[in-house]
PDB file of N, CA and C in Angstrom:
ATOM      1  N   GLY A   1      35.455  46.293  80.395  1.00  0.00           N
ATOM      2  CA  GLY A   1      36.821  46.057  81.126  1.00  0.00           C
ATOM      3  C   GLY A   1      37.902  46.029  82.095  1.00  0.00           C
ATOM      4  N   VAL A   2      38.879  46.393  82.458  1.00  0.00           N
ATOM      5  CA  VAL A   2      39.624  46.801  83.461  1.00  0.00           C
ATOM      6  C   VAL A   2      38.732  47.459  84.282  1.00  0.00           C
ATOM      7  N   TYR A   3      38.969  48.396  83.852  1.00  0.00           N
ATOM      8  CA  TYR A   3      38.235  49.513  84.584  1.00  0.00           C
ATOM      9  C   TYR A   3      36.834  49.344  85.401  1.00  0.00           C
ATOM     10  N   MET A   4      36.527  48.888  85.033  1.00  0.00           N
ATOM     11  CA  MET A   4      34.886  48.251  85.608  1.00  0.00           C
ATOM     12  C   MET A   4      34.935  47.067  86.579  1.00  0.00           C
ATOM     13  N   VAL A   5      35.988  46.009  86.691  1.00  0.00           N
ATOM     14  CA  VAL A   5      36.596  45.447  87.501  1.00  0.00           C
ATOM     15  C   VAL A   5      36.977  46.041  88.737  1.00  0.00           C
ATOM     16  N   VAL A   6      38.193  47.008  88.444  1.00  0.00           N
ATOM     17  CA  VAL A   6      38.416  47.969  89.504  1.00  0.00           C
ATOM     18  C   VAL A   6      37.180  48.770  90.489  1.00  0.00           C
ATOM     19  N   ILE A   7      36.193  48.949  89.794  1.00  0.00           N
ATOM     20  CA  ILE A   7      35.125  49.916  90.404  1.00  0.00           C
ATOM     21  C   ILE A   7      34.375  48.791  91.094  1.00  0.00           C
ATOM     22  N   ALA A   8      34.321  47.991  90.432  1.00  0.00           N
ATOM     23  CA  ALA A   8      33.146  46.821  91.354  1.00  0.00           C
ATOM     24  C   ALA A   8      34.128  45.858  92.392  1.00  0.00           C
ATOM     25  N   LEU A   9      35.372  46.301  92.264  1.00  0.00           N
ATOM     26  CA  LEU A   9      36.200  45.684  93.418  1.00  0.00           C
ATOM     27  C   LEU A   9      35.893  46.422  94.638  1.00  0.00           C
ATOM     28  N   MET A  10      36.237  48.041  94.614  1.00  0.00           N
ATOM     29  CA  MET A  10      35.956  48.993  95.061  1.00  0.00           C
ATOM     30  C   MET A  10      34.622  49.067  96.194  1.00  0.00           C
ATOM     31  N   VAL A  11      33.623  48.945  94.913  1.00  0.00           N
ATOM     32  CA  VAL A  11      32.266  48.723  95.824  1.00  0.00           C
ATOM     33  C   VAL A  11      31.976  47.600  96.245  1.00  0.00           C
ATOM     34  N   GLY A  12      33.078  46.426  96.249  1.00  0.00           N
ATOM     35  CA  GLY A  12      32.627  45.062  96.783  1.00  0.00           C
ATOM     36  C   GLY A  12      33.513  45.250  98.207  1.00  0.00           C
ATOM     37  N   SER A  13      34.782  45.616  98.193  1.00  0.00           N
ATOM     38  CA  SER A  13      35.990  46.134  99.367  1.00  0.00           C
ATOM     39  C   SER A  13      34.775  46.640 100.525  1.00  0.00           C
ATOM     40  N   ALA A  14      33.875  48.146  99.752  1.00  0.00           N
ATOM     41  CA  ALA A  14      33.535  48.928 100.895  1.00  0.00           C
ATOM     42  C   ALA A  14      32.089  48.448 101.456  1.00  0.00           C
ATOM     43  N   ILE A  15      31.281  47.471 100.433  1.00  0.00           N
ATOM     44  CA  ILE A  15      30.501  46.874 100.677  1.00  0.00           C
ATOM     45  C   ILE A  15      30.850  45.745 102.407  1.00  0.00           C
ATOM     46  N   ALA A  16      32.143  45.419 101.652  1.00  0.00           N
ATOM     47  CA  ALA A  16      32.012  44.127 103.059  1.00  0.00           C
ATOM     48  C   ALA A  16      32.768  44.817 103.989  1.00  0.00           C
ATOM     49  N   SER A  17      33.638  46.019 103.910  1.00  0.00           N
ATOM     50  CA  SER A  17      33.839  46.770 105.095  1.00  0.00           C
ATOM     51  C   SER A  17      33.141  46.461 106.345  1.00  0.00           C
ATOM     52  N   GLY A  18      31.565  46.800 105.922  1.00  0.00           N
ATOM     53  CA  GLY A  18      30.697  47.071 106.940  1.00  0.00           C
ATOM     54  C   GLY A  18      30.488  48.356 107.250  1.00  0.00           C
ATOM     55  N   ALA A  19      31.385  49.446 106.594  1.00  0.00           N
ATOM     56  CA  ALA A  19      31.353  50.966 107.145  1.00  0.00           C
ATOM     57  C   ALA A  19      30.238  51.323 105.800  1.00  0.00           C
ATOM     58  N   LEU A  20      29.075  51.804 106.267  1.00  0.00           N
ATOM     59  CA  LEU A  20      28.034  52.243 105.715  1.00  0.00           C
ATOM     60  C   LEU A  20      28.383  53.808 105.141  1.00  0.00           C
ATOM     61  N   LEU A  21      29.073  54.707 105.401  1.00  0.00           N
ATOM     62  CA  LEU A  21      29.857  55.446 104.431  1.00  0.00           C
ATOM     63  C   LEU A  21      30.399  55.553 103.198  1.00  0.00           C
ATOM     64  N   ALA A  22      31.038  54.198 103.451  1.00  0.00           N
ATOM     65  CA  ALA A  22      32.139  54.146 102.488  1.00  0.00           C
ATOM     66  C   ALA A  22      31.830  53.015 101.611  1.00  0.00           C
ATOM     67  N   ALA A  23      30.705  52.509 101.739  1.00  0.00           N
ATOM     68  CA  ALA A  23      29.414  51.482 100.845  1.00  0.00           C
ATOM     69  C   ALA A  23      28.901  52.753  99.723  1.00  0.00           C
ATOM     70  N   ALA A  24      28.235  53.759 100.685  1.00  0.00           N
ATOM     71  CA  ALA A  24      27.443  54.465 100.068  1.00  0.00           C
ATOM     72  C   ALA A  24      28.274  55.292  99.427  1.00  0.00           C
ATOM     73  N   GLY A  25      29.546  55.363  99.858  1.00  0.00           N
ATOM     74  CA  GLY A  25      30.201  56.691  98.815  1.00  0.00           C
ATOM     75  C   GLY A  25      30.944  55.831  97.614  1.00  0.00           C
ATOM     76  N   ALA A  26      31.193  54.618  97.746  1.00  0.00           N
ATOM     77  CA  ALA A  26      31.384  53.778  96.727  1.00  0.00           C
ATOM     78  C   ALA A  26      30.433  53.336  95.174  1.00  0.00           C
ATOM     79  N   LEU A  27      29.425  53.524  96.244  1.00  0.00           N
ATOM     80  CA  LEU A  27      28.067  52.963  94.956  1.00  0.00           C
ATOM     81  C   LEU A  27      28.238  54.236  94.543  1.00  0.00           C
ATOM     82  N   LEU A  28      28.082  55.680  94.945  1.00  0.00           N
ATOM     83  CA  LEU A  28      27.912  56.640  94.349  1.00  0.00           C
ATOM     84  C   LEU A  28      28.752  57.161  93.006  1.00  0.00           C
ATOM     85  N   LEU A  29      30.128  56.799  93.566  1.00  0.00           N
ATOM     86  CA  LEU A  29      31.146  56.969  92.362  1.00  0.00           C
ATOM     87  C   LEU A  29      30.701  55.636  91.112  1.00  0.00           C
ATOM     88  N   MET A  30      30.619  54.961  92.013  1.00  0.00           N
ATOM     89  CA  MET A  30      30.036  53.877  90.437  1.00  0.00           C
ATOM     90  C   MET A  30      28.680  54.297  89.625  1.00  0.00           C
ATOM     91  N   ALA A  31      27.932  55.146  90.822  1.00  0.00           N
ATOM     92  CA  ALA A  31      26.692  55.602  89.593  1.00  0.00           C
ATOM     93  C   ALA A  31      27.199  56.325  89.074  1.00  0.00           C
ATOM     94  N   SER A  32      28.459  57.867  89.464  1.00  0.00           N
ATOM     95  CA  SER A  32      28.793  58.421  88.523  1.00  0.00           C
ATOM     96  C   SER A  32      29.368  58.526  87.350  1.00  0.00           C
ATOM     97  N   ASP A  33      30.688  57.064  87.245  1.00  0.00           N
ATOM     98  CA  ASP A  33      31.109  56.561  86.394  1.00  0.00           C
ATOM     99  C   ASP A  33      30.512  55.944  85.068  1.00  0.00           C
ATOM    100  N   SER A  34      29.053  55.817  85.776  1.00  0.00           N
ATOM    101  CA  SER A  34      28.001  54.584  84.849  1.00  0.00           C
ATOM    102  C   SER A  34      27.526  55.813  84.139  1.00  0.00           C
ATOM    103  N   MET A  35      27.161  56.778  84.931  1.00  0.00           N
ATOM    104  CA  MET A  35      26.457  57.853  84.157  1.00  0.00           C
ATOM    105  C   MET A  35      27.110  58.802  83.038  1.00  0.00           C
ATOM    106  N   ILE A  36      28.491  59.277  83.422  1.00  0.00           N
ATOM    107  CA  ILE A  36      29.609  59.691  82.462  1.00  0.00           C
ATOM    108  C   ILE A  36      29.526  58.171  81.169  1.00  0.00           C
ATOM    109  N   ALA A  37      29.576  57.172  81.436  1.00  0.00           N
ATOM    110  CA  ALA A  37      29.654  56.195  80.569  1.00  0.00           C
ATOM    111  C   ALA A  37      27.985  56.118  79.322  1.00  0.00           C
ATOM    112  N   LEU A  38      27.084  56.084  80.019  1.00  0.00           N
ATOM    113  CA  LEU A  38      25.986  56.072  79.359  1.00  0.00           C
ATOM    114  C   LEU A  38      25.728  57.740  78.620  1.00  0.00           C
ATOM    115  N   ASN A  39      26.320  58.697  78.980  1.00  0.00           N
ATOM    116  CA  ASN A  39      25.812  60.080  78.237  1.00  0.00           C
ATOM    117  C   ASN A  39      26.902  60.151  76.914  1.00  0.00           C
ATOM    118  N   ARG A  40      28.219  59.323  77.566  1.00  0.00           N
ATOM    119  CA  ARG A  40      29.204  59.688  76.537  1.00  0.00           C
ATOM    120  C   ARG A  40      28.935  58.630  75.254  1.00  0.00           C
ATOM    121  N   PHE A  41      28.495  57.412  75.236  1.00  0.00           N
ATOM    122  CA  PHE A  41      28.616  56.184  74.901  1.00  0.00           C
ATOM    123  C   PHE A  41      26.951  55.531  74.265  1.00  0.00           C
ATOM    124  N   VAL A  42      25.930  55.901  74.821  1.00  0.00           N
ATOM    125  CA  VAL A  42      24.917  55.248  74.702  1.00  0.00           C
ATOM    126  C   VAL A  42      24.135  56.656  74.150  1.00  0.00           C
ATOM    127  N   SER A  43      23.537  57.406  75.322  1.00  0.00           N
ATOM    128  CA  SER A  43      22.330  58.625  74.922  1.00  0.00           C
ATOM    129  C   SER A  43      22.952  59.604  75.468  1.00  0.00           C
ATOM    130  N   PRO A  44      23.336  60.242  75.246  1.00  0.00           N
ATOM    131  CA  PRO A  44      23.193  61.591  76.147  1.00  0.00           C
ATOM    132  C   PRO A  44      21.761  62.044  76.448  1.00  0.00           C
ATOM    133  N   PHE A  45      21.964  62.488  77.827  1.00  0.00           N
ATOM    134  CA  PHE A  45      20.458  62.894  78.184  1.00  0.00           C
ATOM    135  C   PHE A  45      20.492  64.088  79.442  1.00  0.00           C
ATOM    136  N   ALA A  46      19.653  64.843  79.420  1.00  0.00           N
ATOM    137  CA  ALA A  46      19.345  66.196  80.161  1.00  0.00           C
ATOM    138  C   ALA A  46      19.869  66.046  81.374  1.00  0.00           C
ATOM    139  N   GLY A  47      20.746  67.362  82.191  1.00  0.00           N
ATOM    140  CA  GLY A  47      21.275  67.036  83.495  1.00  0.00           C
ATOM    141  C   GLY A  47      22.105  66.131  84.048  1.00  0.00           C
ATOM    142  N   ALA A  48      22.752  65.569  83.014  1.00  0.00           N
ATOM    143  CA  ALA A  48      23.998  64.580  83.088  1.00  0.00           C
ATOM    144  C   ALA A  48      25.088  65.475  83.604  1.00  0.00           C
ATOM    145  N   ARG A  49      25.493  66.314  83.530  1.00  0.00           N
ATOM    146  CA  ARG A  49      26.499  67.204  83.751  1.00  0.00           C
ATOM    147  C   ARG A  49      26.570  67.372  85.230  1.00  0.00           C
ATOM    148  N   LEU A  50      25.329  67.651  85.759  1.00  0.00           N
ATOM    149  CA  LEU A  50      25.027  67.887  87.025  1.00  0.00           C
ATOM    150  C   LEU A  50      24.837  66.621  87.379  1.00  0.00           C
ATOM    151  N   ALA A  51      24.070  65.590  87.462  1.00  0.00           N
ATOM    152  CA  ALA A  51      24.515  64.249  88.099  1.00  0.00           C
ATOM    153  C   ALA A  51      25.478  63.893  88.097  1.00  0.00           C
ATOM    154  N   ILE A  52      26.277  64.160  87.272  1.00  0.00           N
ATOM    155  CA  ILE A  52      27.464  63.316  87.158  1.00  0.00           C
ATOM    156  C   ILE A  52      28.254  63.819  88.645  1.00  0.00           C
ATOM    157  N   ILE A  53      28.647  65.296  88.757  1.00  0.00           N
ATOM    158  CA  ILE A  53      29.331  65.987  89.177  1.00  0.00           C
ATOM    159  C   ILE A  53      28.995  65.805  90.635  1.00  0.00           C
ATOM    160  N   VAL A  54      27.460  65.935  90.795  1.00  0.00           N
ATOM    161  CA  VAL A  54      26.716  66.044  92.537  1.00  0.00           C
ATOM    162  C   VAL A  54      27.353  64.512  93.059  1.00  0.00           C
ATOM    163  N   THR A  55      26.998  63.002  92.094  1.00  0.00           N
ATOM    164  CA  THR A  55      27.442  61.882  92.684  1.00  0.00           C
ATOM    165  C   THR A  55      28.974  61.833  92.784  1.00  0.00           C
ATOM    166  N   TYR A  56      29.354  62.356  92.233  1.00  0.00           N
ATOM    167  CA  TYR A  56      30.852  62.542  92.109  1.00  0.00           C
ATOM    168  C   TYR A  56      31.368  62.801  93.232  1.00  0.00           C
ATOM    169  N   HIS A  57      31.592  64.092  93.859  1.00  0.00           N
ATOM    170  CA  HIS A  57      31.589  64.433  94.990  1.00  0.00           C
ATOM    171  C   HIS A  57      31.049  64.188  96.290  1.00  0.00           C
ATOM    172  N   LEU A  58      29.636  63.803  96.001  1.00  0.00           N
ATOM    173  CA  LEU A  58      29.200  63.098  97.249  1.00  0.00           C
ATOM    174  C   LEU A  58      30.089  61.465  97.788  1.00  0.00           C
ATOM    175  N   GLY A  59      30.325  61.011  96.652  1.00  0.00           N
ATOM    176  CA  GLY A  59      30.998  60.064  96.753  1.00  0.00           C
ATOM    177  C   GLY A  59      32.223  60.034  97.723  1.00  0.00           C
ATOM    178  N   GLN A  60      33.036  61.009  96.711  1.00  0.00           N
ATOM    179  CA  GLN A  60      34.336  61.339  97.327  1.00  0.00           C
ATOM    180  C   GLN A  60      34.127  61.692  98.908  1.00  0.00           C
ATOM    181  N   LEU A  61      32.826  62.891  99.087  1.00  0.00           N
ATOM    182  CA  LEU A  61      32.756  63.217 100.578  1.00  0.00           C
ATOM    183  C   LEU A  61      32.496  62.117 101.604  1.00  0.00           C
ATOM    184  N   LEU A  62      32.220  61.179 101.091  1.00  0.00           N
ATOM    185  CA  LEU A  62      31.487  60.072 101.891  1.00  0.00           C
ATOM    186  C   LEU A  62      32.862  59.215 102.097  1.00  0.00           C
ATOM    187  N   LEU A  63      32.988  58.815 101.112  1.00  0.00           N
ATOM    188  CA  LEU A  63      34.567  57.972 101.354  1.00  0.00           C
ATOM    189  C   LEU A  63      35.505  58.549 102.717  1.00  0.00           C
ATOM    190  N   ALA A  64      35.573  60.007 102.078  1.00  0.00           N
ATOM    191  CA  ALA A  64      36.920  60.676 102.893  1.00  0.00           C
ATOM    192  C   ALA A  64      36.484  60.760 104.662  1.00  0.00           C
ATOM    193  N   TRP A  65      34.907  60.902 104.423  1.00  0.00           N
ATOM    194  CA  TRP A  65      34.571  60.776 106.125  1.00  0.00           C
ATOM    195  C   TRP A  65      34.447  59.387 106.152  1.00  0.00           C
ATOM    196  N   ALA A  66      34.584  58.112 105.868  1.00  0.00           N
ATOM    197  CA  ALA A  66      35.031  56.901 106.359  1.00  0.00           C
ATOM    198  C   ALA A  66      35.882  56.713 106.521  1.00  0.00           C
ATOM    199  N   LEU A  67      36.863  56.953 105.657  1.00  0.00           N
ATOM    200  CA  LEU A  67      38.594  57.207 106.288  1.00  0.00           C
ATOM    201  C   LEU A  67      38.739  57.949 107.811  1.00  0.00           C
ATOM    202  N   ARG A  68      37.606  58.826 107.677  1.00  0.00           N
ATOM    203  CA  ARG A  68      37.946  59.539 109.403  1.00  0.00           C
ATOM    204  C   ARG A  68      37.937  59.068 110.791  1.00  0.00           C
ATOM    205  N   GLY A  69      36.868  57.565 110.324  1.00  0.00           N
ATOM    206  CA  GLY A  69      36.538  56.761 110.840  1.00  0.00           C
ATOM    207  C   GLY A  69      35.988  57.814 112.362  1.00  0.00           C
TER     208      GLY A  69
END
């Protein structure tokens, strides 16, 4: 849906910026969101909660660092 388009635009913009930290952060957020969808709508998997929260917070941290320049 629209949400996945927004996520894809975020990742594409981060990669196009040339900022490695921003690209890595955006990719981690995409991974986190993908794991949420997989765990909820396809098949729950062991360690999902931990994997989701770790990738989410690392992604946010890297994006914040990228903004600090």
